[in-house]
Amino acid sequence: MGDHLSFVEGFLARLQGPMNFRLFLQPLVALFFAIRDGRKDAREGRPPYFWALFTDPGHRRDMLVNGWKSIGKVFIIAMVLDFVFQYVVFHDFRPVGALLAGFVLALVPYLLLRGPVNRLMRHPAKGEKS
């Protein structure tokens, strides 16, 4: 039980502790890449990314490689910055916390936005010709 409590406390410490600027900056960078890639998907006629990961097994591997090329560095930077935070605040390293930080700060925003951007870019605004 104590491990769970320290995990929750550690997660909450990230919100108020040093380097909390990364909690805003990293999702913004992930969103930039999601918008860029979603627009490219729309131009190339690809299906929405996150949905296609589940519904198009024939292209899943290629899609994962493509997505990782875009967001992998942001994920790694999120983990490294979290390890720095952990060292400063806890004086040790908690790999699960760093993985969670990378997932929440980089992968989630990217996955949630890339597909909707694709869909928005495919449909012209009212009054425009398609």
Foldseek 3Di string as FASTA:
>chain_A
DVVVVVLVVLLVCCCVDPPVVLLVVLLVLLLVLLLVLLLVCLVVVHAQLLVCCPVPVVCNVVSVVVSCVRQVVSLVVQLVVVQVVCCVPVVDGDNVSSNVRSCVRHVVSSNVRNRVSNVVNNDDDPPDDD
